[in-house]
Amino acid sequence: MDNLNIQVDIDAAALFGWNDTALHGELLSNHGSKLNRRVGTAQGISNIEVTQSSVRLYAIWIEQHFKATKTRVLFGLYDLNSEFYATDASGMLIHPSFGIGIDFSQSGRNGPSIFPNLGLGVRLRQPIGQGGYLQVAALDGVPGDPDHPGRTLVRLSRSEGALLVAEAGWQQPGKVDPRPGHWGIGVWQYTGKSDVVDGGASQRNRGAYAIAQSLLGGGEGDGGRTTVFVRAGAASRSVNNIDLALNAGLLIATPFGANGPRAMTAGVAVARFSRSWNAVDQIPRRHEVALVVDARWQLLPNVALQPLLQWVAHPGGRGGSAAIAGARLEWVLKPK
């Protein structure tokens, strides 16, 4: 599989005289094999796998920073997972559930506004004290076009409704990557009604999640600095195939010194199938469990190699297991 992402950030003050305003645009190209069709997991295998290969306009937004209150307001095609339900330490893992939990990513007719289908929306982020924050967003309830998943389409309608999301938390200030301290709680709800799993009367789809990340050992610049994370989420059991999700893991920076990988990370992701879905599909297992290990070598300042191993128990709620081995090569080309 391949993922080509072209990003453009514009300083609107320098070009247009719009003070404290930022403009951002992204073009996305995804092609290649559909690996998860062979394995059939509920949570997926790779966070760059898409339903249909395509080249599309991805994100395009404008953000205004109000310095007096430190409030930031963004409007446009926006990736919800860039700020909501996100932890730095889990972000290196290639398995999709460590980006955003399957409890949330499964929701909606065409998913929430996340990769690869973004919806039009507005986001407000307000810092509170030293590291505290509150962020809320209202987004198109059906981003893109479910009938043509390779297209970028903006279509707002009362029948499709909106997705409302709020998250409050605290993130340790600083430039360390990952920033060690972070916790948050979030809630989400679609204003439109969704079909229920067992064919009964439609209902509003909603859920909640919690995230936590902390430094386990080591300090800034230390080899072996270890950051741990835990994330959990729940979704309406009558509407969704999966009603509970949990993932946890750790990230170790330079575990073997300068000659080894820049980082190693491991995690476990658990998804529980709802009783409603189990009654309809008659799956033999109620849980899918994925164990994952990734390492990252920085071959050159702009080139990285990331081997990975995954083992999935009861993929899709079926019996048995699946083992996946692979590698990802990343090349970042940034103009001077």
Protein backbone atom coordinates (compact mmCIF):
# COMPACT_ATOMS: atom_id res chain seq x y z
CA MET A 1 0.00 0.00 0.00
CA ASP A 2 1.06 3.57 -0.44
CA ASN A 3 0.06 6.90 1.05
CA LEU A 4 1.14 10.20 -0.52
CA ASN A 5 0.27 13.31 1.48
CA ILE A 6 1.03 16.83 0.25
CA GLN A 7 0.50 19.61 2.80
CA VAL A 8 0.59 23.37 2.41
CA ASP A 9 0.57 25.78 5.35
CA ILE A 10 0.12 29.48 4.65
CA ASP A 11 0.91 32.42 6.91
CA ALA A 12 -2.08 34.59 6.07
CA ALA A 13 -0.59 37.60 7.85
CA ALA A 14 2.45 37.62 5.57
CA LEU A 15 0.51 37.06 2.33
CA PHE A 16 -2.81 38.81 2.90
CA GLY A 17 -2.35 40.91 6.01
CA TRP A 18 -4.74 38.72 8.04
CA ASN A 19 -3.16 38.79 11.48
CA ASP A 20 -3.22 35.64 13.64
CA THR A 21 -4.77 33.60 10.83
CA ALA A 22 -3.50 30.29 9.43
CA LEU A 23 -4.52 28.47 6.25
CA HIS A 24 -3.94 24.77 5.67
CA GLY A 25 -4.53 22.43 2.74
CA GLU A 26 -3.79 18.74 2.03
CA LEU A 27 -3.95 16.47 -1.00
CA LEU A 28 -4.15 12.72 -0.38
CA SER A 29 -3.35 9.76 -2.65
CA ASN A 30 -3.88 6.16 -1.50
CA HIS A 31 -3.46 3.00 -3.59
CA GLY A 32 -2.45 -0.61 -3.27
CA SER A 33 -3.73 -3.86 -1.84
CA LYS A 34 -6.58 -4.10 0.64
CA LEU A 35 -4.84 -6.27 3.24
CA ASN A 36 -7.64 -6.41 5.77
CA ARG A 37 -10.01 -7.96 3.23
CA ARG A 38 -7.86 -11.09 3.48
CA VAL A 39 -7.73 -11.15 7.27
CA GLY A 40 -11.18 -9.73 8.06
CA THR A 41 -10.47 -8.01 11.37
CA ALA A 42 -13.00 -5.59 12.85
CA GLN A 43 -10.33 -3.08 13.90
CA GLY A 44 -8.20 -3.17 10.76
CA ILE A 45 -4.48 -3.72 10.20
CA SER A 46 -3.04 -0.53 8.70
CA ASN A 47 -3.98 3.09 9.29
CA ILE A 48 -3.41 3.95 5.59
CA GLU A 49 -5.74 1.30 4.14
CA VAL A 50 -8.77 2.78 2.35
CA THR A 51 -11.93 1.28 0.89
CA GLN A 52 -11.27 2.62 -2.61
CA SER A 53 -7.95 3.76 -4.09
CA SER A 54 -8.10 7.41 -5.12
CA VAL A 55 -6.53 10.85 -5.23
CA ARG A 56 -8.58 13.38 -3.28
CA LEU A 57 -8.63 16.78 -1.66
CA TYR A 58 -8.28 15.89 2.00
CA ALA A 59 -8.14 18.77 4.47
CA ILE A 60 -8.61 22.47 3.83
CA TRP A 61 -9.26 24.87 6.67
CA ILE A 62 -8.75 28.34 8.09
CA GLU A 63 -7.98 28.98 11.77
CA GLN A 64 -8.20 32.25 13.67
CA HIS A 65 -6.25 32.78 16.88
CA PHE A 66 -7.80 35.29 19.31
CA LYS A 67 -4.79 36.26 21.41
CA ALA A 68 -6.73 38.10 24.12
CA THR A 69 -8.47 34.88 25.23
CA LYS A 70 -6.06 32.40 23.53
CA THR A 71 -9.09 30.90 21.79
CA ARG A 72 -8.57 29.15 18.44
CA VAL A 73 -11.48 28.74 16.03
CA LEU A 74 -11.10 26.53 12.94
CA PHE A 75 -13.47 26.12 9.99
CA GLY A 76 -13.23 23.79 6.99
CA LEU A 77 -12.59 20.15 6.09
CA TYR A 78 -11.09 18.97 9.36
CA ASP A 79 -9.58 15.70 10.67
CA LEU A 80 -11.25 15.16 14.02
CA ASN A 81 -8.57 12.68 15.15
CA SER A 82 -5.80 15.26 14.74
CA GLU A 83 -6.89 16.67 18.13
CA PHE A 84 -9.70 14.52 19.58
CA TYR A 85 -9.19 11.00 21.00
CA ALA A 86 -5.44 11.33 20.29
CA THR A 87 -2.35 10.49 22.35
CA ASP A 88 1.21 11.14 21.22
CA ALA A 89 2.66 7.86 22.54
CA SER A 90 0.17 5.67 20.65
CA GLY A 91 0.50 7.59 17.39
CA MET A 92 3.54 5.69 16.11
CA LEU A 93 1.69 2.36 16.02
CA ILE A 94 0.44 1.46 12.55
CA HIS A 95 -2.61 -0.45 13.82
CA PRO A 96 -5.70 1.80 13.30
CA SER A 97 -7.16 1.49 16.82
CA PHE A 98 -4.19 3.38 18.30
CA GLY A 99 -5.09 6.47 16.30
CA ILE A 100 -8.77 6.63 17.24
CA GLY A 101 -10.63 3.90 19.08
CA ILE A 102 -12.80 1.52 17.06
CA ASP A 103 -15.75 2.49 19.28
CA PHE A 104 -15.74 5.94 17.63
CA SER A 105 -14.23 5.18 14.20
CA GLN A 106 -17.00 2.65 13.39
CA SER A 107 -19.76 5.21 13.98
CA GLY A 108 -21.84 7.02 11.38
CA ARG A 109 -22.96 6.14 7.90
CA ASN A 110 -19.52 6.96 6.46
CA GLY A 111 -17.53 7.14 9.67
CA PRO A 112 -16.79 10.33 11.61
CA SER A 113 -14.68 13.08 10.03
CA ILE A 114 -11.38 11.16 10.04
CA PHE A 115 -8.98 9.66 7.46
CA PRO A 116 -9.75 9.32 4.62
CA ASN A 117 -13.17 11.07 4.56
CA LEU A 118 -13.30 14.52 6.11
CA GLY A 119 -16.44 16.54 6.70
CA LEU A 120 -17.04 20.26 6.85
CA GLY A 121 -17.05 21.54 10.40
CA VAL A 122 -16.09 24.10 12.98
CA ARG A 123 -13.80 23.49 15.97
CA LEU A 124 -13.21 25.72 19.00
CA ARG A 125 -10.25 25.11 21.33
CA GLN A 126 -9.83 27.01 24.60
CA PRO A 127 -6.74 26.67 26.83
CA ILE A 128 -7.43 26.67 30.56
CA GLY A 129 -4.63 27.51 32.97
CA GLN A 130 -1.31 25.66 32.65
CA GLY A 131 -1.98 22.82 30.23
CA GLY A 132 -5.74 22.49 30.62
CA TYR A 133 -7.98 22.64 27.57
CA LEU A 134 -11.56 22.39 26.35
CA GLN A 135 -12.32 21.69 22.70
CA VAL A 136 -15.66 21.27 20.95
CA ALA A 137 -16.53 20.56 17.32
CA ALA A 138 -19.61 20.33 15.12
CA LEU A 139 -19.11 18.42 11.85
CA ASP A 140 -21.06 17.05 8.91
CA GLY A 141 -22.79 13.88 10.10
CA VAL A 142 -22.01 12.05 6.84
CA PRO A 143 -18.59 13.18 5.52
CA GLY A 144 -17.81 12.46 1.88
CA ASP A 145 -20.02 10.23 -0.27
CA PRO A 146 -20.80 6.73 1.07
CA ASP A 147 -21.77 5.59 -2.44
CA HIS A 148 -18.44 6.79 -3.90
CA PRO A 149 -15.84 6.43 -1.11
CA GLY A 150 -13.01 7.79 -3.23
CA ARG A 151 -14.56 11.24 -3.64
CA THR A 152 -14.38 14.39 -1.55
CA LEU A 153 -17.90 15.76 -1.30
CA VAL A 154 -19.45 18.47 0.87
CA ARG A 155 -23.19 18.06 1.24
CA LEU A 156 -25.02 19.35 4.29
CA SER A 157 -28.59 18.31 4.95
CA ARG A 158 -30.99 18.15 7.86
CA SER A 159 -31.63 14.47 7.27
CA GLU A 160 -27.92 13.60 7.59
CA GLY A 161 -27.52 15.80 10.65
CA ALA A 162 -24.32 16.68 12.44
CA LEU A 163 -21.72 15.07 14.66
CA LEU A 164 -21.11 16.93 17.94
CA VAL A 165 -17.92 16.24 19.93
CA ALA A 166 -16.45 17.68 23.12
CA GLU A 167 -13.23 16.86 24.97
CA ALA A 168 -11.74 18.32 28.13
CA GLY A 169 -8.37 17.48 29.61
CA TRP A 170 -4.83 18.44 30.46
CA GLN A 171 -1.63 18.11 28.44
CA GLN A 172 1.79 18.78 29.89
CA PRO A 173 3.35 21.83 28.23
CA GLY A 174 6.70 21.52 26.48
CA LYS A 175 8.42 20.47 23.28
CA VAL A 176 9.32 16.88 24.24
CA ASP A 177 7.93 14.34 21.74
CA PRO A 178 5.88 12.65 23.02
CA ARG A 179 4.78 15.12 25.69
CA PRO A 180 4.62 12.75 28.68
CA GLY A 181 1.59 13.94 30.64
CA HIS A 182 -1.85 13.90 29.02
CA TRP A 183 -5.35 12.93 30.10
CA GLY A 184 -8.78 13.71 28.75
CA ILE A 185 -12.42 12.67 28.60
CA GLY A 186 -14.69 13.12 25.60
CA VAL A 187 -18.29 12.63 24.50
CA TRP A 188 -19.87 12.49 21.05
CA GLN A 189 -23.34 12.28 19.52
CA TYR A 190 -24.96 12.36 16.08
CA THR A 191 -28.01 14.61 15.82
CA GLY A 192 -29.55 12.41 13.12
CA LYS A 193 -30.91 8.98 13.92
CA SER A 194 -29.13 5.76 12.93
CA ASP A 195 -30.44 2.30 12.08
CA VAL A 196 -30.18 -0.15 14.95
CA VAL A 197 -28.43 -3.47 14.57
CA ASP A 198 -31.49 -5.67 15.12
CA GLY A 199 -33.76 -3.72 12.74
CA GLY A 200 -35.83 -1.91 15.38
CA ALA A 201 -36.67 1.80 15.57
CA SER A 202 -33.77 4.11 14.69
CA GLN A 203 -31.93 5.85 17.51
CA ARG A 204 -29.34 8.56 18.05
CA ASN A 205 -25.80 7.24 18.11
CA ARG A 206 -23.61 8.41 20.98
CA GLY A 207 -20.55 7.46 22.96
CA ALA A 208 -17.83 8.50 25.39
CA TYR A 209 -14.09 7.90 25.78
CA ALA A 210 -11.18 8.54 28.12
CA ILE A 211 -7.45 8.83 27.41
CA ALA A 212 -4.40 8.90 29.69
CA GLN A 213 -0.67 9.10 29.05
CA SER A 214 2.21 9.37 31.52
CA LEU A 215 5.97 9.07 31.79
CA LEU A 216 6.95 5.74 33.33
CA GLY A 217 10.72 6.20 33.45
CA GLY A 218 13.55 8.36 32.15
CA GLY A 219 13.62 12.04 31.32
CA GLU A 220 14.02 14.35 28.37
CA GLY A 221 16.85 13.14 26.13
CA ASP A 222 17.34 9.92 28.10
CA GLY A 223 17.74 6.62 26.28
CA GLY A 224 15.04 4.22 27.40
CA ARG A 225 12.60 7.01 28.30
CA THR A 226 9.29 5.13 28.55
CA THR A 227 5.83 6.62 28.10
CA VAL A 228 2.69 4.56 28.78
CA PHE A 229 -0.86 5.15 27.57
CA VAL A 230 -4.34 3.79 28.21
CA ARG A 231 -7.48 4.63 26.18
CA ALA A 232 -11.03 3.32 26.54
CA GLY A 233 -14.33 4.07 24.81
CA ALA A 234 -17.97 3.01 24.76
CA ALA A 235 -20.63 3.36 22.05
CA SER A 236 -24.38 2.73 21.84
CA ARG A 237 -24.77 -1.05 21.89
CA SER A 238 -28.06 -1.04 19.98
CA VAL A 239 -26.59 0.91 17.02
CA ASN A 240 -22.97 -0.26 16.75
CA ASN A 241 -21.32 -3.60 16.12
CA ILE A 242 -18.74 -2.84 18.83
CA ASP A 243 -19.88 -1.32 22.12
CA LEU A 244 -16.63 -1.29 24.13
CA ALA A 245 -12.99 -0.75 23.17
CA LEU A 246 -9.78 -0.66 25.17
CA ASN A 247 -6.19 -0.19 24.11
CA ALA A 248 -2.99 0.31 26.08
CA GLY A 249 0.72 0.25 25.46
CA LEU A 250 4.09 1.91 25.84
CA LEU A 251 6.66 3.80 23.79
CA ILE A 252 10.38 3.45 24.55
CA ALA A 253 12.74 6.06 23.10
CA THR A 254 16.16 4.81 21.86
CA PRO A 255 15.92 1.53 23.81
CA PHE A 256 19.32 0.23 22.62
CA GLY A 257 21.27 3.47 22.35
CA ALA A 258 22.27 5.47 19.30
CA ASN A 259 22.86 2.41 17.07
CA GLY A 260 19.44 0.86 17.59
CA PRO A 261 15.94 1.95 16.62
CA ARG A 262 14.92 5.48 17.46
CA ALA A 263 11.86 4.12 19.23
CA MET A 264 10.03 0.88 19.98
CA THR A 265 6.37 0.67 20.84
CA ALA A 266 3.98 -2.12 21.75
CA GLY A 267 0.31 -2.29 22.55
CA VAL A 268 -2.84 -4.36 22.92
CA ALA A 269 -6.21 -3.38 21.44
CA VAL A 270 -9.43 -5.10 22.54
CA ALA A 271 -12.83 -4.68 20.87
CA ARG A 272 -16.02 -6.16 22.32
CA PHE A 273 -18.88 -6.99 19.96
CA SER A 274 -22.28 -5.85 21.20
CA ARG A 275 -24.94 -8.39 22.18
CA SER A 276 -27.21 -6.92 19.49
CA TRP A 277 -24.64 -7.64 16.80
CA ASN A 278 -23.87 -11.04 18.25
CA ALA A 279 -27.56 -11.98 18.08
CA VAL A 280 -27.79 -10.92 14.41
CA ASP A 281 -24.46 -12.25 13.09
CA GLN A 282 -24.11 -15.26 15.39
CA ILE A 283 -20.37 -14.77 15.81
CA PRO A 284 -18.72 -17.39 18.05
CA ARG A 285 -16.49 -14.90 19.91
CA ARG A 286 -17.44 -11.59 21.55
CA HIS A 287 -13.92 -10.13 21.60
CA GLU A 288 -11.22 -9.38 19.06
CA VAL A 289 -7.75 -8.85 20.54
CA ALA A 290 -4.75 -7.44 18.67
CA LEU A 291 -1.17 -7.53 20.01
CA VAL A 292 1.20 -5.23 18.11
CA VAL A 293 4.91 -4.35 18.17
CA ASP A 294 6.52 -1.64 16.02
CA ALA A 295 10.08 -0.31 15.84
CA ARG A 296 11.32 2.79 14.05
CA TRP A 297 14.77 3.31 12.56
CA GLN A 298 15.70 6.81 11.38
CA LEU A 299 17.88 5.87 8.39
CA LEU A 300 18.36 9.49 7.29
CA PRO A 301 17.06 12.78 8.69
CA ASN A 302 14.05 12.52 6.35
CA VAL A 303 13.82 8.73 5.81
CA ALA A 304 12.49 6.22 8.37
CA LEU A 305 11.92 2.46 8.31
CA GLN A 306 9.27 0.94 10.57
CA PRO A 307 8.98 -2.87 10.81
CA LEU A 308 5.90 -4.26 12.53
CA LEU A 309 4.42 -7.46 13.93
CA GLN A 310 0.74 -8.05 14.71
CA TRP A 311 -1.14 -11.01 16.12
CA VAL A 312 -4.93 -10.94 16.12
CA ALA A 313 -7.07 -13.34 18.14
CA HIS A 314 -10.61 -14.02 16.87
CA PRO A 315 -10.53 -11.61 13.89
CA GLY A 316 -14.03 -10.29 13.25
CA GLY A 317 -15.36 -12.40 16.12
CA ARG A 318 -14.53 -15.64 14.35
CA GLY A 319 -12.40 -18.39 15.81
CA GLY A 320 -8.70 -18.79 15.18
CA SER A 321 -6.06 -16.09 14.83
CA ALA A 322 -3.99 -14.19 12.28
CA ALA A 323 -0.33 -13.13 12.25
CA ILE A 324 0.88 -10.15 10.19
CA ALA A 325 4.47 -9.01 9.55
CA GLY A 326 5.46 -6.03 7.47
CA ALA A 327 7.35 -2.77 7.21
CA ARG A 328 6.63 0.82 6.30
CA LEU A 329 9.08 3.18 4.63
CA GLU A 330 8.51 6.92 5.17
CA TRP A 331 10.12 9.72 3.22
CA VAL A 332 9.38 13.30 4.30
CA LEU A 333 10.27 15.93 1.74
CA LYS A 334 10.05 19.39 3.29
CA PRO A 335 11.13 22.46 1.31
CA LYS A 336 13.74 24.67 2.97
